[in-house]
C-alpha atoms as a PDB file:
ATOM      1  CA  MET A   1      90.323  87.617 115.444  1.00  0.00           C
ATOM      2  CA  LYS A   2      91.972  90.788 114.003  1.00  0.00           C
ATOM      3  CA  SER A   3      89.734  92.338 110.734  1.00  0.00           C
ATOM      4  CA  HIS A   4      90.709  94.090 108.033  1.00  0.00           C
ATOM      5  CA  PHE A   5      88.710  96.853 106.360  1.00  0.00           C
ATOM      6  CA  THR A   6      88.950  97.651 102.229  1.00  0.00           C
ATOM      7  CA  ILE A   7      87.541 100.648 100.426  1.00  0.00           C
ATOM      8  CA  CYS A   8      87.398 100.106  97.183  1.00  0.00           C
ATOM      9  CA  LEU A   9      87.054 103.808  94.647  1.00  0.00           C
ATOM     10  CA  VAL A  10      87.716 105.328  91.839  1.00  0.00           C
ATOM     11  CA  ALA A  11      88.898 108.530  92.555  1.00  0.00           C
ATOM     12  CA  GLY A  12      88.497 109.907  88.696  1.00  0.00           C
ATOM     13  CA  VAL A  13      89.684 112.611  86.827  1.00  0.00           C
ATOM     14  CA  LEU A  14      92.013 114.809  89.103  1.00  0.00           C
ATOM     15  CA  ASN A  15      92.581 118.729  88.841  1.00  0.00           C
ATOM     16  CA  LEU A  16      89.110 119.337  86.637  1.00  0.00           C
ATOM     17  CA  ALA A  17      86.721 120.858  88.957  1.00  0.00           C
ATOM     18  CA  GLY A  18      88.698 119.700  92.435  1.00  0.00           C
ATOM     19  CA  ILE A  19      90.487 121.727  95.206  1.00  0.00           C
ATOM     20  CA  SER A  20      93.563 119.988  94.125  1.00  0.00           C
ATOM     21  CA  ASP A  21      95.808 123.105  94.869  1.00  0.00           C
ATOM     22  CA  GLY A  22      94.560 123.673  97.935  1.00  0.00           C
ATOM     23  CA  LEU A  23      95.961 122.484 101.436  1.00  0.00           C
ATOM     24  CA  GLY A  24      93.306 122.777 103.528  1.00  0.00           C
ATOM     25  CA  TRP A  25      94.281 125.270 106.662  1.00  0.00           C
ATOM     26  CA  GLY A  26      97.820 124.831 105.636  1.00  0.00           C
ATOM     27  CA  GLN A  27     100.428 123.502 108.360  1.00  0.00           C
ATOM     28  CA  ASN A  28      99.517 125.530 111.145  1.00  0.00           C
ATOM     29  CA  GLY A  29      96.125 125.597 110.869  1.00  0.00           C
ATOM     30  CA  HIS A  30      96.144 121.866 111.027  1.00  0.00           C
ATOM     31  CA  ARG A  31      98.219 122.022 113.708  1.00  0.00           C
ATOM     32  CA  VAL A  32      95.947 124.272 115.629  1.00  0.00           C
ATOM     33  CA  THR A  33      92.828 122.023 115.572  1.00  0.00           C
ATOM     34  CA  ALA A  34      94.875 119.286 116.300  1.00  0.00           C
ATOM     35  CA  GLU A  35      96.610 120.785 119.101  1.00  0.00           C
ATOM     36  CA  LEU A  36      93.192 121.855 120.308  1.00  0.00           C
ATOM     37  CA  ALA A  37      91.811 118.516 120.048  1.00  0.00           C
ATOM     38  CA  GLU A  38      94.894 116.774 122.126  1.00  0.00           C
ATOM     39  CA  ARG A  39      93.994 119.363 124.717  1.00  0.00           C
ATOM     40  CA  HIS A  40      90.294 117.695 125.248  1.00  0.00           C
ATOM     41  CA  LEU A  41      90.431 114.237 124.998  1.00  0.00           C
ATOM     42  CA  ASN A  42      89.681 112.397 128.110  1.00  0.00           C
ATOM     43  CA  GLU A  43      92.181 109.782 129.346  1.00  0.00           C
ATOM     44  CA  LYS A  44      91.254 106.867 127.754  1.00  0.00           C
ATOM     45  CA  SER A  45      91.756 108.371 124.116  1.00  0.00           C
ATOM     46  CA  ARG A  46      95.376 109.524 125.370  1.00  0.00           C
ATOM     47  CA  VAL A  47      96.038 106.016 126.372  1.00  0.00           C
ATOM     48  CA  GLU A  48      95.134 104.436 122.974  1.00  0.00           C
ATOM     49  CA  LEU A  49      96.626 107.751 121.145  1.00  0.00           C
ATOM     50  CA  ARG A  50     100.088 106.826 122.607  1.00  0.00           C
ATOM     51  CA  LYS A  51      99.368 103.178 121.590  1.00  0.00           C
ATOM     52  CA  ILE A  52      98.760 103.998 118.266  1.00  0.00           C
ATOM     53  CA  LEU A  53     101.578 107.292 117.943  1.00  0.00           C
ATOM     54  CA  GLY A  54     103.957 106.632 120.699  1.00  0.00           C
ATOM     55  CA  ARG A  55     105.368 110.097 121.211  1.00  0.00           C
ATOM     56  CA  GLU A  56     103.752 111.993 118.268  1.00  0.00           C
ATOM     57  CA  SER A  57     101.209 114.181 118.890  1.00  0.00           C
ATOM     58  CA  LEU A  58      98.103 114.856 116.802  1.00  0.00           C
ATOM     59  CA  ALA A  59      99.451 117.741 115.932  1.00  0.00           C
ATOM     60  CA  GLU A  60     102.396 115.994 114.183  1.00  0.00           C
ATOM     61  CA  ILE A  61     100.794 114.153 112.156  1.00  0.00           C
ATOM     62  CA  SER A  62      97.718 116.561 110.924  1.00  0.00           C
ATOM     63  CA  THR A  63      99.835 117.310 107.825  1.00  0.00           C
ATOM     64  CA  TRP A  64     100.920 114.065 106.760  1.00  0.00           C
ATOM     65  CA  ALA A  65      97.573 114.458 104.242  1.00  0.00           C
ATOM     66  CA  ASP A  66      98.979 117.284 102.326  1.00  0.00           C
ATOM     67  CA  GLU A  67     102.817 115.912 102.938  1.00  0.00           C
ATOM     68  CA  ILE A  68     101.666 112.479 100.925  1.00  0.00           C
ATOM     69  CA  ARG A  69     100.588 114.563  97.922  1.00  0.00           C
ATOM     70  CA  SER A  70     104.118 114.446  96.464  1.00  0.00           C
ATOM     71  CA  ASN A  71     103.738 110.988  95.865  1.00  0.00           C
ATOM     72  CA  PRO A  72     102.205 109.660  93.259  1.00  0.00           C
ATOM     73  CA  GLU A  73     101.157 106.252  94.616  1.00  0.00           C
ATOM     74  CA  TRP A  74      98.918 108.510  96.812  1.00  0.00           C
ATOM     75  CA  ASP A  75      97.265 110.287  94.086  1.00  0.00           C
ATOM     76  CA  PHE A  76      93.738 108.870  94.857  1.00  0.00           C
ATOM     77  CA  VAL A  77      93.380 110.270  98.258  1.00  0.00           C
ATOM     78  CA  GLU A  78      93.445 113.655  96.085  1.00  0.00           C
ATOM     79  CA  PRO A  79      88.935 114.095  95.927  1.00  0.00           C
ATOM     80  CA  TRP A  80      89.019 113.447  99.604  1.00  0.00           C
ATOM     81  CA  HIS A  81      90.050 116.669 101.104  1.00  0.00           C
ATOM     82  CA  TYR A  82      87.161 118.420  99.651  1.00  0.00           C
ATOM     83  CA  VAL A  83      83.251 118.403  98.507  1.00  0.00           C
ATOM     84  CA  SER A  84      82.115 120.164  95.700  1.00  0.00           C
ATOM     85  CA  ILE A  85      78.805 121.916  95.803  1.00  0.00           C
ATOM     86  CA  GLU A  86      77.195 125.298  94.159  1.00  0.00           C
ATOM     87  CA  ASP A  87      75.605 127.916  95.617  1.00  0.00           C
ATOM     88  CA  ASP A  88      72.276 126.647  94.301  1.00  0.00           C
ATOM     89  CA  GLN A  89      72.682 123.077  94.714  1.00  0.00           C
ATOM     90  CA  LYS A  90      71.194 121.182  97.178  1.00  0.00           C
ATOM     91  CA  TRP A  91      72.976 118.787  99.513  1.00  0.00           C
ATOM     92  CA  GLU A  92      70.585 115.703  98.641  1.00  0.00           C
ATOM     93  CA  GLU A  93      71.672 116.342  95.253  1.00  0.00           C
ATOM     94  CA  VAL A  94      75.153 115.370  95.872  1.00  0.00           C
ATOM     95  CA  LEU A  95      74.383 112.899  98.323  1.00  0.00           C
ATOM     96  CA  GLU A  96      72.203 111.495  96.088  1.00  0.00           C
ATOM     97  CA  ALA A  97      74.954 111.490  93.245  1.00  0.00           C
ATOM     98  CA  GLU A  98      77.561 110.129  95.822  1.00  0.00           C
ATOM     99  CA  ALA A  99      75.422 107.172  97.050  1.00  0.00           C
ATOM    100  CA  LYS A 100      74.773 106.322  92.956  1.00  0.00           C
ATOM    101  CA  ASP A 101      78.852 106.024  92.513  1.00  0.00           C
ATOM    102  CA  GLU A 102      80.801 102.991  94.039  1.00  0.00           C
ATOM    103  CA  ALA A 103      83.611 105.454  94.116  1.00  0.00           C
ATOM    104  CA  VAL A 104      84.652 107.275  97.289  1.00  0.00           C
ATOM    105  CA  ASN A 105      83.986 110.389  96.026  1.00  0.00           C
ATOM    106  CA  SER A 106      84.592 113.308  98.418  1.00  0.00           C
ATOM    107  CA  ILE A 107      85.392 113.911 102.321  1.00  0.00           C
ATOM    108  CA  LEU A 108      82.026 113.220 103.112  1.00  0.00           C
ATOM    109  CA  GLU A 109      82.209 109.728 102.221  1.00  0.00           C
ATOM    110  CA  ILE A 110      85.943 109.258 103.327  1.00  0.00           C
ATOM    111  CA  ILE A 111      85.811 110.328 107.088  1.00  0.00           C
ATOM    112  CA  PRO A 112      83.262 107.597 108.154  1.00  0.00           C
ATOM    113  CA  LEU A 113      84.938 104.623 106.535  1.00  0.00           C
ATOM    114  CA  LEU A 114      87.539 105.917 108.421  1.00  0.00           C
ATOM    115  CA  GLU A 115      85.681 106.454 111.688  1.00  0.00           C
ATOM    116  CA  LYS A 116      84.069 102.881 111.512  1.00  0.00           C
ATOM    117  CA  PHE A 117      88.004 101.028 111.265  1.00  0.00           C
ATOM    118  CA  LEU A 118      89.558 103.684 113.716  1.00  0.00           C
ATOM    119  CA  ALA A 119      86.384 102.747 115.973  1.00  0.00           C
ATOM    120  CA  ASP A 120      87.218  98.898 116.061  1.00  0.00           C
ATOM    121  CA  PRO A 121      89.888  97.462 118.376  1.00  0.00           C
ATOM    122  CA  LYS A 122      90.116  94.402 116.775  1.00  0.00           C
ATOM    123  CA  ALA A 123      91.003  95.794 113.141  1.00  0.00           C
ATOM    124  CA  GLU A 124      94.860  95.966 112.405  1.00  0.00           C
ATOM    125  CA  SER A 125      95.045  97.257 108.804  1.00  0.00           C
ATOM    126  CA  MET A 126      92.258  98.456 106.229  1.00  0.00           C
ATOM    127  CA  THR A 127      93.115  98.174 102.206  1.00  0.00           C
ATOM    128  CA  LEU A 128      92.197 101.840  99.990  1.00  0.00           C
ATOM    129  CA  HIS A 129      92.030 100.850  96.162  1.00  0.00           C
ATOM    130  CA  GLY A 130      90.949 102.451  92.993  1.00  0.00           C
ATOM    131  CA  GLY A 131      92.209 104.210  90.362  1.00  0.00           C
ATOM    132  CA  VAL A 132      93.270 107.679  88.852  1.00  0.00           C
ATOM    133  CA  ARG A 133      93.402 108.975  85.345  1.00  0.00           C
ATOM    134  CA  LYS A 134      94.500 112.532  85.401  1.00  0.00           C
ATOM    135  CA  ARG A 135      93.645 114.973  82.850  1.00  0.00           C
ATOM    136  CA  GLY A 136      95.658 114.654  79.669  1.00  0.00           C
ATOM    137  CA  SER A 137      96.465 110.925  80.365  1.00  0.00           C
ATOM    138  CA  GLY A 138      94.196 110.452  77.786  1.00  0.00           C
ATOM    139  CA  ALA A 139      91.307 107.705  77.336  1.00  0.00           C
ATOM    140  CA  GLY A 140      91.637 103.979  78.984  1.00  0.00           C
ATOM    141  CA  LEU A 141      91.192 102.627  82.073  1.00  0.00           C
ATOM    142  CA  PRO A 142      92.756 104.751  85.400  1.00  0.00           C
ATOM    143  CA  ALA A 143      95.874 103.302  86.811  1.00  0.00           C
ATOM    144  CA  GLU A 144      95.319 100.833  89.828  1.00  0.00           C
ATOM    145  CA  LEU A 145      96.580 101.832  92.809  1.00  0.00           C
ATOM    146  CA  THR A 146      96.278 100.453  96.281  1.00  0.00           C
ATOM    147  CA  LYS A 147      97.573 101.254  99.518  1.00  0.00           C
ATOM    148  CA  GLU A 148      97.337  98.838 102.855  1.00  0.00           C
ATOM    149  CA  ILE A 149      97.091 101.021 105.976  1.00  0.00           C
ATOM    150  CA  GLY A 150      96.999 100.681 109.939  1.00  0.00           C
ATOM    151  CA  LYS A 151      95.633 103.030 112.610  1.00  0.00           C
ATOM    152  CA  ARG A 152      98.532 105.618 112.087  1.00  0.00           C
ATOM    153  CA  GLU A 153      97.447 106.602 108.801  1.00  0.00           C
ATOM    154  CA  ALA A 154      94.346 105.917 109.389  1.00  0.00           C
ATOM    155  CA  LEU A 155      94.193 108.645 112.235  1.00  0.00           C
ATOM    156  CA  ALA A 156      96.307 110.990 110.053  1.00  0.00           C
ATOM    157  CA  LEU A 157      94.279 111.156 107.464  1.00  0.00           C
ATOM    158  CA  TYR A 158      91.232 111.280 110.021  1.00  0.00           C
ATOM    159  CA  VAL A 159      92.512 114.010 111.975  1.00  0.00           C
ATOM    160  CA  HIS A 160      93.610 115.899 108.572  1.00  0.00           C
ATOM    161  CA  PHE A 161      89.864 115.594 106.528  1.00  0.00           C
ATOM    162  CA  VAL A 162      87.824 116.638 110.017  1.00  0.00           C
ATOM    163  CA  GLY A 163      89.972 119.899 109.677  1.00  0.00           C
ATOM    164  CA  ASP A 164      89.293 120.402 105.910  1.00  0.00           C
ATOM    165  CA  LEU A 165      85.684 120.532 106.245  1.00  0.00           C
ATOM    166  CA  HIS A 166      85.498 123.099 108.505  1.00  0.00           C
ATOM    167  CA  GLN A 167      87.565 125.327 105.865  1.00  0.00           C
ATOM    168  CA  PRO A 168      84.553 126.932 104.174  1.00  0.00           C
ATOM    169  CA  LEU A 169      86.631 126.711 100.869  1.00  0.00           C
ATOM    170  CA  HIS A 170      86.867 123.016 101.000  1.00  0.00           C
ATOM    171  CA  VAL A 171      83.410 122.977 100.723  1.00  0.00           C
ATOM    172  CA  GLY A 172      83.978 124.646  97.788  1.00  0.00           C
ATOM    173  CA  ARG A 173      82.331 125.645  94.116  1.00  0.00           C
ATOM    174  CA  ALA A 174      83.541 123.653  91.325  1.00  0.00           C
ATOM    175  CA  ASP A 175      83.441 126.139  88.881  1.00  0.00           C
ATOM    176  CA  ASP A 176      86.081 128.217  90.729  1.00  0.00           C
ATOM    177  CA  ALA A 177      87.537 125.608  92.401  1.00  0.00           C
ATOM    178  CA  GLY A 178      87.041 126.729  95.733  1.00  0.00           C
ATOM    179  CA  GLY A 179      88.728 129.885  95.291  1.00  0.00           C
ATOM    180  CA  ASN A 180      91.573 128.156  93.723  1.00  0.00           C
ATOM    181  CA  ARG A 181      90.854 130.281  90.346  1.00  0.00           C
ATOM    182  CA  ILE A 182      89.989 133.536  92.213  1.00  0.00           C
ATOM    183  CA  GLY A 183      93.178 135.758  92.357  1.00  0.00           C
ATOM    184  CA  VAL A 184      93.793 138.476  94.684  1.00  0.00           C
ATOM    185  CA  GLU A 185      96.215 139.962  96.203  1.00  0.00           C
ATOM    186  CA  TRP A 186      96.921 139.815  99.981  1.00  0.00           C
ATOM    187  CA  PHE A 187      99.172 142.529 101.074  1.00  0.00           C
ATOM    188  CA  GLY A 188     100.261 143.199  97.387  1.00  0.00           C
ATOM    189  CA  GLU A 189     101.351 139.916  97.003  1.00  0.00           C
ATOM    190  CA  GLU A 190      99.522 138.039  94.225  1.00  0.00           C
ATOM    191  CA  VAL A 191      97.568 134.738  95.246  1.00  0.00           C
ATOM    192  CA  SER A 192      94.693 132.875  95.270  1.00  0.00           C
ATOM    193  CA  LEU A 193      91.963 133.009  97.459  1.00  0.00           C
ATOM    194  CA  HIS A 194      92.369 129.689  98.590  1.00  0.00           C
ATOM    195  CA  LYS A 195      95.734 130.235  99.958  1.00  0.00           C
ATOM    196  CA  VAL A 196      94.551 133.375 102.016  1.00  0.00           C
ATOM    197  CA  TRP A 197      92.389 131.280 103.646  1.00  0.00           C
ATOM    198  CA  ASP A 198      94.348 128.063 103.629  1.00  0.00           C
ATOM    199  CA  GLU A 199      97.098 129.828 105.046  1.00  0.00           C
ATOM    200  CA  LEU A 200      98.074 132.985 104.881  1.00  0.00           C
ATOM    201  CA  MET A 201      95.647 134.754 106.958  1.00  0.00           C
ATOM    202  CA  ILE A 202      96.851 132.504 109.791  1.00  0.00           C
ATOM    203  CA  ASP A 203     100.803 133.321 109.075  1.00  0.00           C
ATOM    204  CA  SER A 204      99.726 136.542 109.342  1.00  0.00           C
ATOM    205  CA  LEU A 205      98.376 136.576 112.855  1.00  0.00           C
ATOM    206  CA  LYS A 206     101.995 136.041 113.731  1.00  0.00           C
ATOM    207  CA  LEU A 207     101.068 133.199 116.406  1.00  0.00           C
ATOM    208  CA  SER A 208     102.473 129.470 117.021  1.00  0.00           C
ATOM    209  CA  TYR A 209     100.275 126.711 116.443  1.00  0.00           C
ATOM    210  CA  THR A 210     100.264 125.970 120.459  1.00  0.00           C
ATOM    211  CA  GLU A 211      99.904 129.918 121.121  1.00  0.00           C
ATOM    212  CA  PHE A 212      96.891 130.102 118.446  1.00  0.00           C
ATOM    213  CA  ALA A 213      95.025 126.859 120.097  1.00  0.00           C
ATOM    214  CA  SER A 214      95.686 128.323 123.719  1.00  0.00           C
ATOM    215  CA  PHE A 215      93.882 131.294 122.432  1.00  0.00           C
ATOM    216  CA  LEU A 216      90.787 129.336 121.134  1.00  0.00           C
ATOM    217  CA  ASP A 217      90.117 127.100 124.119  1.00  0.00           C
ATOM    218  CA  ARG A 218      88.028 129.332 125.725  1.00  0.00           C
ATOM    219  CA  VAL A 219      84.727 128.498 124.515  1.00  0.00           C
ATOM    220  CA  PRO A 220      81.849 128.370 127.146  1.00  0.00           C
ATOM    221  CA  ALA A 221      80.742 124.281 127.802  1.00  0.00           C
ATOM    222  CA  GLU A 222      77.297 125.034 126.781  1.00  0.00           C
ATOM    223  CA  GLU A 223      78.376 126.350 123.275  1.00  0.00           C
ATOM    224  CA  GLU A 224      80.762 123.345 123.507  1.00  0.00           C
ATOM    225  CA  LYS A 225      78.604 120.707 124.262  1.00  0.00           C
ATOM    226  CA  ALA A 226      76.101 122.059 121.049  1.00  0.00           C
ATOM    227  CA  TRP A 227      78.745 122.557 118.623  1.00  0.00           C
ATOM    228  CA  THR A 228      80.057 118.895 119.363  1.00  0.00           C
ATOM    229  CA  SER A 229      76.791 117.449 119.505  1.00  0.00           C
ATOM    230  CA  ALA A 230      76.207 118.480 115.040  1.00  0.00           C
ATOM    231  CA  SER A 231      76.797 115.777 112.559  1.00  0.00           C
ATOM    232  CA  MET A 232      79.234 115.789 110.220  1.00  0.00           C
ATOM    233  CA  LEU A 233      76.775 116.651 107.553  1.00  0.00           C
ATOM    234  CA  ASP A 234      76.002 119.635 109.804  1.00  0.00           C
ATOM    235  CA  TRP A 235      79.976 120.793 109.348  1.00  0.00           C
ATOM    236  CA  ALA A 236      79.615 120.838 105.821  1.00  0.00           C
ATOM    237  CA  ARG A 237      76.124 122.725 105.999  1.00  0.00           C
ATOM    238  CA  GLU A 238      77.644 125.186 108.249  1.00  0.00           C
ATOM    239  CA  SER A 239      80.947 125.864 105.817  1.00  0.00           C
ATOM    240  CA  LYS A 240      78.964 126.003 102.893  1.00  0.00           C
ATOM    241  CA  ALA A 241      76.645 128.495 104.942  1.00  0.00           C
ATOM    242  CA  VAL A 242      79.499 130.916 105.828  1.00  0.00           C
ATOM    243  CA  ARG A 243      81.111 130.133 102.249  1.00  0.00           C
ATOM    244  CA  GLU A 244      79.687 134.048 101.339  1.00  0.00           C
ATOM    245  CA  ARG A 245      81.222 135.409 104.107  1.00  0.00           C
ATOM    246  CA  VAL A 246      84.536 134.960 102.262  1.00  0.00           C
ATOM    247  CA  TYR A 247      83.948 135.733  99.064  1.00  0.00           C
ATOM    248  CA  ASP A 248      82.940 139.703 100.904  1.00  0.00           C
ATOM    249  CA  PHE A 249      85.461 142.005  99.599  1.00  0.00           C
ATOM    250  CA  GLY A 250      83.515 145.035 100.996  1.00  0.00           C
ATOM    251  CA  PRO A 251      83.684 147.607  98.263  1.00  0.00           C
ATOM    252  CA  GLN A 252      85.428 145.714  95.486  1.00  0.00           C
ATOM    253  CA  ARG A 253      83.960 144.010  93.062  1.00  0.00           C
ATOM    254  CA  SER A 254      83.363 140.192  93.820  1.00  0.00           C
ATOM    255  CA  GLY A 255      86.276 138.207  93.392  1.00  0.00           C
ATOM    256  CA  TYR A 256      84.482 135.396  91.309  1.00  0.00           C
ATOM    257  CA  PHE A 257      86.910 134.594  88.637  1.00  0.00           C
ATOM    258  CA  LEU A 258      84.643 134.900  85.256  1.00  0.00           C
ATOM    259  CA  ASN A 259      84.069 138.632  86.149  1.00  0.00           C
ATOM    260  CA  VAL A 260      86.656 140.221  87.643  1.00  0.00           C
ATOM    261  CA  LYS A 261      89.479 142.294  85.499  1.00  0.00           C
ATOM    262  CA  GLU A 262      91.403 143.644  88.738  1.00  0.00           C
ATOM    263  CA  PRO A 263      92.188 141.668  91.395  1.00  0.00           C
ATOM    264  CA  PRO A 264      90.756 142.602  94.770  1.00  0.00           C
ATOM    265  CA  SER A 265      93.413 143.865  97.403  1.00  0.00           C
ATOM    266  CA  LEU A 266      93.220 142.534 100.377  1.00  0.00           C
ATOM    267  CA  SER A 267      95.034 143.085 103.944  1.00  0.00           C
ATOM    268  CA  TYR A 268      94.345 144.861 106.936  1.00  0.00           C
ATOM    269  CA  GLN A 269      90.671 145.309 106.719  1.00  0.00           C
ATOM    270  CA  TYR A 270      89.672 142.082 105.262  1.00  0.00           C
ATOM    271  CA  ARG A 271      91.468 140.337 108.078  1.00  0.00           C
ATOM    272  CA  ALA A 272      89.630 142.318 110.772  1.00  0.00           C
ATOM    273  CA  ASP A 273      86.382 141.560 108.877  1.00  0.00           C
ATOM    274  CA  HIS A 274      87.066 137.980 108.611  1.00  0.00           C
ATOM    275  CA  VAL A 275      89.178 136.932 111.629  1.00  0.00           C
ATOM    276  CA  ASP A 276      86.371 135.844 113.858  1.00  0.00           C
ATOM    277  CA  LEU A 277      85.099 133.804 111.468  1.00  0.00           C
ATOM    278  CA  LEU A 278      88.544 132.096 111.008  1.00  0.00           C
ATOM    279  CA  ARG A 279      89.122 131.188 114.537  1.00  0.00           C
ATOM    280  CA  GLU A 280      85.226 129.947 114.853  1.00  0.00           C
ATOM    281  CA  ARG A 281      85.864 127.632 112.147  1.00  0.00           C
ATOM    282  CA  LEU A 282      89.433 126.264 113.695  1.00  0.00           C
ATOM    283  CA  ALA A 283      87.988 126.141 117.223  1.00  0.00           C
ATOM    284  CA  LYS A 284      84.894 124.066 115.836  1.00  0.00           C
ATOM    285  CA  GLY A 285      86.818 121.790 114.066  1.00  0.00           C
ATOM    286  CA  GLY A 286      89.131 120.990 117.323  1.00  0.00           C
ATOM    287  CA  LEU A 287      86.526 120.411 119.502  1.00  0.00           C
ATOM    288  CA  ARG A 288      84.353 118.108 117.251  1.00  0.00           C
ATOM    289  CA  LEU A 289      87.907 116.033 116.282  1.00  0.00           C
ATOM    290  CA  ALA A 290      88.356 115.491 120.383  1.00  0.00           C
ATOM    291  CA  ALA A 291      84.952 114.617 120.820  1.00  0.00           C
ATOM    292  CA  LYS A 292      84.739 111.900 117.787  1.00  0.00           C
ATOM    293  CA  LEU A 293      87.823 110.914 119.103  1.00  0.00           C
ATOM    294  CA  ASN A 294      86.632 110.517 122.722  1.00  0.00           C
ATOM    295  CA  ALA A 295      83.376 108.619 121.365  1.00  0.00           C
ATOM    296  CA  ILE A 296      85.852 106.500 118.879  1.00  0.00           C
ATOM    297  CA  PHE A 297      88.151 104.729 121.479  1.00  0.00           C
ATOM    298  CA  ALA A 298      84.982 104.498 123.903  1.00  0.00           C
ATOM    299  CA  ASN A 299      84.923 101.328 122.464  1.00  0.00           C
ATOM    300  CA  TYR A 300      88.255  99.974 123.183  1.00  0.00           C
ATOM    301  CA  PRO A 301      88.806  97.321 126.341  1.00  0.00           C
ATOM    302  CA  ASP A 302      90.006  98.660 129.308  1.00  0.00           C
END
């Protein structure tokens, strides 16, 4: 018998303390992670993916969760791209607050739900159901939104969110919206710090996503094993732990939006100081995604 999953949520008020303007690695970053993951899938996973995706690759579907942002019918997915935690806040506080709320509040809650659905070979669809009340919409109940999705859509969301969780600013400070409220100059262009990490630093390396994935695909087996044995919460802990390095602008003032008058000017030195961290987060995301998918499809009959 085929089964059906339902996720009920209230997405809440968008664009107040979230990371709503950030795309989480941007298109190339997500494709790098997905491409690296696909290179590390076992044969069984490849077979099952072909059944779900046909000729599409993981890289092709990896940006779908950002593409649907232009459609208001998908607004309730917005909070799933990130989790907010302050520097002095403990993870136990975040997890306890989310557990008390019936809504699916963040990336930490949606990834396991998608994983459970994907791992059930008998389940053909799941329902995402919730409400959205945007800022400025006034009081009252949120608009109700419902989406029924199949394995392809769930897989696209899953691939994307695993990537997002490895972008340090998607485990961000609420008060600066994960770096969206921190203005910097990137090679003379005024942008947000979040955009530098989502897109601009990756794009400045002038690599195609396949080239970048090839360059990252050199992790020693023992190191890969250590990376892939970490839990999802460990991934989030890592992103928070390295987040302070993202805010390190060298001799320039802190870019914290509350106390900066002139935006820090970032270019070659900032990239040189941070490119190894960028590479590591992308590589970890890709290898961990592969390990998760191999575990998911291990449940499927031969």
